[in-house]
Amino acid sequence: MKKRIVAAICVCVLIISCLSACGSNTESSSAPESDNLQIVTTIFPIYDWVREILGENPAGIELTMLMDNGVDLHSFQPTAMDILRVSSCDMFVYVGGESDQWVEDAMQEAANEKQKEINLMESLGDGMKEEQIVEGMQPEEEDTESEEPEYDEHVWLSLKNASILCGRLAKAIREMDPDHAEIYEANVTAYQQKLADLDNEYQSVVNESSQKTVLFGDRFPFRYLTDDYSLDYYAAFAGCSAETEASFETISFLAGKVDELGLNCVMTIEGSDQRIAETIIQNTKEKDQKILTIDSMQATTSKDAGQGATYLSVMEKNKNVLKEALQ
């Protein structure tokens, strides 16, 4: 379905391009023209990493985030203008999982022969992890007979991955703008130190906690994070699940785990209506657990960034939530 939508969009892009070539002066008919280098990213974490690497941005590089209206990675459908931006930019950075299948079609329209294309999951190589259906988790029916491994797309939710990927991004930016290579190298080195410091803080939180298990009454996009610190987890659904209703068996299992492990909370991700978490709690013995929300940054926008949100600030808040959850 997504490929058919993108194919139709690509036709629209061709029409738009023809109109532009015929002298249309309307801003909506084509991507903004500029002599500056242009970097386009899909999600907020990548956008923010690039911001940090650019720093004061001596070359005036223009940075755009596509998923900027609160729609998450799994629900995003590119517009004709999105495809046009992707096809004409100097560097395009995206996650690269199943949710980004539209990219292959979009890149066929690439008009910039020197364009750099960075797929985060490919950049991680052996660091990618397959999605897991852990005990009690409700599998999606369509995935039960799949022969192809499905990899967890949420690679940005590991500080260790973030450091590796920032190094890859900085290298590409230096190659694109060699005149300011030393500045970008200094910026990424300083940023990687901040990532390492926060990583150490996470490890200290886990080391000092008696509880080593988290339980989500929700989707679970945090496998990379929990694996980084050897935490166990249970959840209602896998990270990319499209399911919205949990079965009685799933609810019963998770409520039993809350009782068995003595957990003081049930966790959700941002944007959750918390109904599943509330139902789990109502099926425990004590019925007094908290609901804690941890942010996977799948719907963070540039408006949030303008109000002070950064990758590090969100991960800092997540660390504090995790600390409370592990008490």
Protein backbone atom coordinates (compact mmCIF):
# COMPACT_ATOMS: atom_id res chain seq x y z
CA MET A 1 0.00 0.00 0.00
CA LYS A 2 2.75 2.44 0.95
CA LYS A 3 4.60 1.77 -2.31
CA ARG A 4 1.48 2.56 -4.33
CA ILE A 5 1.04 5.80 -2.40
CA VAL A 6 4.65 6.78 -2.99
CA ALA A 7 4.42 5.90 -6.67
CA ALA A 8 1.49 8.29 -6.97
CA ILE A 9 3.41 10.92 -5.04
CA CYS A 10 6.38 10.54 -7.36
CA VAL A 11 4.11 11.25 -10.33
CA CYS A 12 3.01 14.41 -8.51
CA VAL A 13 6.67 15.35 -8.02
CA LEU A 14 7.32 15.03 -11.73
CA ILE A 15 4.34 17.28 -12.45
CA ILE A 16 5.57 19.79 -9.89
CA SER A 17 9.04 19.73 -11.39
CA CYS A 18 7.62 20.37 -14.86
CA LEU A 19 5.59 23.30 -13.56
CA SER A 20 8.70 24.71 -11.92
CA ALA A 21 10.64 24.37 -15.16
CA CYS A 22 7.88 26.25 -16.96
CA GLY A 23 8.39 29.27 -14.76
CA SER A 24 5.90 28.87 -11.92
CA ASN A 25 6.71 31.36 -9.15
CA THR A 26 4.52 29.93 -6.37
CA GLU A 27 6.36 28.73 -3.27
CA SER A 28 4.19 25.62 -3.02
CA SER A 29 5.17 24.38 -6.48
CA SER A 30 8.75 23.44 -5.65
CA ALA A 31 11.25 23.04 -2.84
CA PRO A 32 12.94 26.29 -1.80
CA GLU A 33 15.95 27.00 -3.98
CA SER A 34 19.20 27.78 -2.19
CA ASP A 35 22.92 27.83 -2.86
CA ASN A 36 23.52 26.41 0.62
CA LEU A 37 24.10 22.73 1.27
CA GLN A 38 20.92 21.01 2.43
CA ILE A 39 20.55 18.12 4.88
CA VAL A 40 17.18 16.40 5.28
CA THR A 41 16.47 14.03 8.18
CA THR A 42 13.38 12.02 8.99
CA ILE A 43 13.01 11.97 12.79
CA PHE A 44 13.90 14.33 15.64
CA PRO A 45 16.87 12.45 17.16
CA ILE A 46 18.74 12.53 13.83
CA TYR A 47 17.82 16.18 13.34
CA ASP A 48 19.17 17.05 16.78
CA TRP A 49 22.39 15.06 16.32
CA VAL A 50 23.08 16.95 13.10
CA ARG A 51 22.33 20.27 14.86
CA GLU A 52 24.94 19.42 17.48
CA ILE A 53 27.54 18.47 14.88
CA LEU A 54 26.94 21.63 12.86
CA GLY A 55 27.14 23.82 15.97
CA GLU A 56 27.34 27.45 14.89
CA ASN A 57 26.98 26.12 11.32
CA PRO A 58 29.77 28.10 9.63
CA ALA A 59 28.70 26.96 6.15
CA GLY A 60 25.05 27.95 6.65
CA ILE A 61 23.90 24.41 5.94
CA GLU A 62 20.10 24.17 5.80
CA LEU A 63 18.67 21.43 8.01
CA THR A 64 15.15 20.04 7.58
CA MET A 65 13.18 17.46 9.58
CA LEU A 66 10.49 15.68 7.55
CA MET A 67 8.46 14.13 10.36
CA ASP A 68 7.58 17.44 11.90
CA ASN A 69 3.84 17.28 12.56
CA GLY A 70 3.71 14.84 15.48
CA VAL A 71 3.13 11.75 13.30
CA ASP A 72 5.44 8.94 14.38
CA LEU A 73 7.81 6.90 12.25
CA HIS A 74 5.35 4.04 11.77
CA SER A 75 2.48 6.22 10.53
CA PHE A 76 4.39 8.63 8.30
CA GLN A 77 3.39 9.01 4.66
CA PRO A 78 5.53 11.41 2.63
CA THR A 79 3.93 14.25 0.72
CA ALA A 80 4.96 15.28 -2.78
CA MET A 81 6.96 18.13 -1.25
CA ASP A 82 8.71 15.68 1.10
CA ILE A 83 9.75 13.55 -1.87
CA LEU A 84 10.99 16.64 -3.68
CA ARG A 85 13.08 17.71 -0.68
CA VAL A 86 14.55 14.22 -0.36
CA SER A 87 15.38 13.96 -4.05
CA SER A 88 17.14 17.33 -4.25
CA CYS A 89 19.04 17.60 -0.96
CA ASP A 90 22.79 17.08 -0.51
CA MET A 91 22.42 14.62 2.37
CA PHE A 92 19.45 12.51 3.38
CA VAL A 93 19.48 10.64 6.71
CA TYR A 94 16.82 8.13 7.71
CA VAL A 95 16.35 5.16 10.04
CA GLY A 96 16.09 2.49 7.39
CA GLY A 97 13.66 -0.03 8.84
CA GLU A 98 10.38 -1.38 7.56
CA SER A 99 8.65 1.95 8.21
CA ASP A 100 11.03 3.61 5.75
CA GLN A 101 10.17 1.42 2.77
CA TRP A 102 8.98 4.53 0.95
CA VAL A 103 12.57 5.78 0.76
CA GLU A 104 13.60 3.33 -1.96
CA ASP A 105 10.97 4.74 -4.31
CA ALA A 106 11.74 8.31 -3.31
CA MET A 107 15.45 7.90 -4.01
CA GLN A 108 14.71 6.82 -7.57
CA GLU A 109 13.70 10.44 -8.13
CA ALA A 110 17.03 11.77 -6.79
CA ALA A 111 18.12 14.79 -8.81
CA ASN A 112 21.42 15.37 -7.01
CA GLU A 113 24.11 13.03 -8.31
CA LYS A 114 26.44 13.89 -5.40
CA GLN A 115 23.80 13.23 -2.75
CA LYS A 116 24.88 11.35 0.38
CA GLU A 117 22.35 8.86 1.71
CA ILE A 118 22.75 7.54 5.27
CA ASN A 119 20.71 4.60 6.52
CA LEU A 120 21.17 4.40 10.31
CA MET A 121 20.38 0.71 10.59
CA GLU A 122 22.86 -0.17 7.85
CA SER A 123 25.43 2.05 9.57
CA LEU A 124 25.06 -0.03 12.75
CA GLY A 125 25.71 -3.27 10.89
CA ASP A 126 25.94 -6.12 13.39
CA GLY A 127 24.64 -3.74 16.07
CA MET A 128 21.08 -4.14 14.76
CA LYS A 129 18.78 -6.30 16.87
CA GLU A 130 15.84 -8.40 15.77
CA GLU A 131 12.49 -7.63 17.32
CA GLN A 132 11.67 -10.13 20.04
CA ILE A 133 8.36 -11.56 21.16
CA VAL A 134 9.06 -12.12 24.84
CA GLU A 135 6.91 -14.21 27.16
CA GLY A 136 3.41 -12.77 27.53
CA MET A 137 3.77 -10.35 24.62
CA GLN A 138 0.97 -10.37 22.09
CA PRO A 139 2.28 -11.15 18.59
CA GLU A 140 0.78 -9.56 15.50
CA GLU A 141 -1.09 -12.15 13.47
CA GLU A 142 0.54 -11.11 10.22
CA ASP A 143 4.03 -11.64 11.66
CA THR A 144 3.55 -15.16 13.02
CA GLU A 145 4.35 -16.85 9.69
CA SER A 146 6.96 -14.40 8.47
CA GLU A 147 10.24 -15.96 7.39
CA GLU A 148 12.12 -12.68 7.14
CA PRO A 149 13.69 -11.36 10.37
CA GLU A 150 12.20 -8.05 11.47
CA TYR A 151 14.74 -5.71 12.97
CA ASP A 152 13.96 -3.25 15.74
CA GLU A 153 13.96 0.22 14.18
CA HIS A 154 14.39 2.20 17.40
CA VAL A 155 18.18 2.36 17.20
CA TRP A 156 18.34 5.94 18.49
CA LEU A 157 17.15 4.91 21.96
CA SER A 158 20.62 3.66 22.85
CA LEU A 159 23.20 6.22 23.90
CA LYS A 160 25.90 3.86 22.71
CA ASN A 161 24.30 3.67 19.27
CA ALA A 162 23.90 7.45 19.26
CA SER A 163 27.64 7.90 19.68
CA ILE A 164 28.43 5.50 16.83
CA LEU A 165 25.87 7.09 14.52
CA CYS A 166 26.99 10.64 15.32
CA GLY A 167 30.49 9.62 14.31
CA ARG A 168 29.14 8.39 10.99
CA LEU A 169 27.13 11.57 10.45
CA ALA A 170 30.07 13.81 11.30
CA LYS A 171 32.27 11.98 8.79
CA ALA A 172 29.71 12.51 6.04
CA ILE A 173 29.30 16.19 6.92
CA ARG A 174 33.08 16.71 6.90
CA GLU A 175 33.24 15.15 3.45
CA MET A 176 30.41 17.36 2.26
CA ASP A 177 31.99 20.54 3.70
CA PRO A 178 35.75 19.90 4.07
CA ASP A 179 36.49 23.60 4.65
CA HIS A 180 35.00 23.32 8.15
CA ALA A 181 35.99 19.74 8.91
CA GLU A 182 37.93 20.63 12.07
CA ILE A 183 34.92 22.42 13.54
CA TYR A 184 32.64 19.46 12.92
CA GLU A 185 35.18 17.06 14.36
CA ALA A 186 35.51 19.14 17.52
CA ASN A 187 31.73 19.39 17.84
CA VAL A 188 31.10 15.67 17.49
CA THR A 189 33.91 14.80 19.90
CA ALA A 190 32.42 17.09 22.56
CA TYR A 191 28.94 15.70 21.94
CA GLN A 192 30.10 12.09 22.10
CA GLN A 193 31.60 12.88 25.52
CA LYS A 194 28.19 14.13 26.70
CA LEU A 195 26.60 10.95 25.40
CA ALA A 196 29.21 8.85 27.23
CA ASP A 197 28.67 10.78 30.47
CA LEU A 198 24.90 10.21 30.32
CA ASP A 199 25.47 6.55 29.44
CA ASN A 200 27.55 6.23 32.63
CA GLU A 201 24.74 7.86 34.62
CA TYR A 202 22.27 5.31 33.27
CA GLN A 203 24.60 2.49 34.26
CA SER A 204 24.91 3.94 37.77
CA VAL A 205 21.11 4.09 38.09
CA VAL A 206 20.85 0.42 37.16
CA ASN A 207 23.76 -0.61 39.38
CA GLU A 208 22.23 1.13 42.38
CA SER A 209 18.72 -0.30 41.83
CA SER A 210 17.45 -3.49 43.40
CA GLN A 211 14.89 -4.01 40.63
CA LYS A 212 16.20 -5.06 37.19
CA THR A 213 12.94 -5.47 35.27
CA VAL A 214 10.62 -3.00 33.56
CA LEU A 215 7.08 -3.76 32.43
CA PHE A 216 5.19 -1.87 29.71
CA GLY A 217 1.44 -1.81 29.27
CA ASP A 218 2.12 -0.58 25.78
CA ARG A 219 4.35 -1.04 22.75
CA PHE A 220 7.99 -1.61 23.61
CA PRO A 221 10.49 0.44 21.55
CA PHE A 222 13.22 0.32 24.21
CA ARG A 223 14.99 -2.96 23.51
CA TYR A 224 18.27 -1.25 22.63
CA LEU A 225 18.19 0.71 25.87
CA THR A 226 17.34 -2.25 28.11
CA ASP A 227 19.97 -4.42 26.41
CA ASP A 228 22.61 -1.73 27.01
CA TYR A 229 22.13 -2.11 30.78
CA SER A 230 21.17 -5.81 30.95
CA LEU A 231 17.61 -5.08 32.08
CA ASP A 232 14.78 -7.59 31.66
CA TYR A 233 11.45 -6.47 30.26
CA TYR A 234 7.86 -7.49 29.64
CA ALA A 235 5.40 -5.65 27.43
CA ALA A 236 1.97 -5.89 25.85
CA PHE A 237 3.28 -5.47 22.29
CA ALA A 238 6.50 -5.37 20.31
CA GLY A 239 8.04 -2.01 19.42
CA CYS A 240 6.55 -1.64 15.95
CA SER A 241 3.26 -3.38 16.65
CA ALA A 242 0.12 -1.91 15.14
CA GLU A 243 -2.08 -3.65 17.71
CA THR A 244 -4.12 -1.43 20.02
CA GLU A 245 -6.05 -3.92 22.12
CA ALA A 246 -4.43 -6.44 24.46
CA SER A 247 -5.96 -9.87 24.98
CA PHE A 248 -7.17 -11.14 28.35
CA GLU A 249 -4.21 -13.53 28.39
CA THR A 250 -1.73 -10.68 27.89
CA ILE A 251 -3.33 -8.52 30.58
CA SER A 252 -3.49 -11.43 33.03
CA PHE A 253 0.12 -12.41 32.39
CA LEU A 254 1.45 -8.88 32.86
CA ALA A 255 -0.60 -8.28 36.00
CA GLY A 256 0.77 -11.54 37.39
CA LYS A 257 4.33 -10.39 36.64
CA VAL A 258 3.73 -7.10 38.45
CA ASP A 259 2.69 -9.10 41.54
CA GLU A 260 5.44 -11.72 41.21
CA LEU A 261 8.25 -9.18 40.83
CA GLY A 262 6.84 -6.60 43.24
CA LEU A 263 6.93 -3.85 40.61
CA ASN A 264 5.85 -0.40 41.76
CA CYS A 265 4.79 0.84 38.34
CA VAL A 266 3.57 -0.02 34.86
CA MET A 267 5.21 1.95 32.07
CA THR A 268 3.84 3.52 28.89
CA ILE A 269 5.31 5.50 26.02
CA GLU A 270 4.41 9.06 25.07
CA GLY A 271 1.00 9.54 23.52
CA SER A 272 -0.51 6.48 25.19
CA ASP A 273 -4.11 6.64 26.42
CA GLN A 274 -2.88 4.40 29.29
CA ARG A 275 -5.95 2.14 29.15
CA ILE A 276 -3.92 -1.06 28.95
CA ALA A 277 -1.65 0.04 31.81
CA GLU A 278 -4.69 0.90 33.93
CA THR A 279 -6.28 -2.46 33.18
CA ILE A 280 -3.10 -4.29 34.17
CA ILE A 281 -2.99 -2.41 37.47
CA GLN A 282 -6.65 -3.18 38.19
CA ASN A 283 -5.84 -6.87 37.83
CA THR A 284 -2.97 -6.87 40.34
CA LYS A 285 -3.36 -7.70 44.01
CA GLU A 286 -2.47 -4.25 45.36
CA LYS A 287 -3.96 -2.16 42.54
CA ASP A 288 -1.85 0.82 43.59
CA GLN A 289 1.03 0.89 41.10
CA LYS A 290 1.96 4.12 39.35
CA ILE A 291 1.87 4.67 35.62
CA LEU A 292 5.14 6.15 34.38
CA THR A 293 5.69 7.48 30.87
CA ILE A 294 8.99 7.26 29.01
CA ASP A 295 9.60 9.16 25.77
CA SER A 296 10.68 7.34 22.62
CA MET A 297 10.94 10.64 20.67
CA GLN A 298 8.89 9.28 17.78
CA ALA A 299 6.61 12.30 17.64
CA THR A 300 8.94 15.11 18.76
CA THR A 301 8.84 18.13 16.44
CA SER A 302 11.05 21.09 15.57
CA LYS A 303 8.59 23.20 17.58
CA ASP A 304 9.56 21.11 20.62
CA ALA A 305 13.19 21.67 19.69
CA GLY A 306 12.55 25.41 19.50
CA GLN A 307 11.17 25.23 23.02
CA GLY A 308 14.36 23.61 24.30
CA ALA A 309 13.92 19.89 23.68
CA THR A 310 17.10 18.06 22.73
CA TYR A 311 18.00 14.42 22.38
CA LEU A 312 20.07 14.67 25.56
CA SER A 313 17.37 16.46 27.55
CA VAL A 314 14.79 13.80 26.66
CA MET A 315 17.20 10.99 27.48
CA GLU A 316 18.00 12.71 30.78
CA LYS A 317 14.28 12.76 31.66
CA ASN A 318 14.01 9.12 30.62
CA LYS A 319 16.85 8.27 32.97
CA ASN A 320 14.95 9.83 35.87
CA VAL A 321 11.80 7.89 34.92
CA LEU A 322 13.82 4.67 34.74
CA LYS A 323 15.32 5.38 38.16
CA GLU A 324 11.83 5.67 39.67
CA ALA A 325 10.66 2.55 37.87
CA LEU A 326 13.54 0.46 39.24
CA GLN A 327 13.01 1.42 42.89
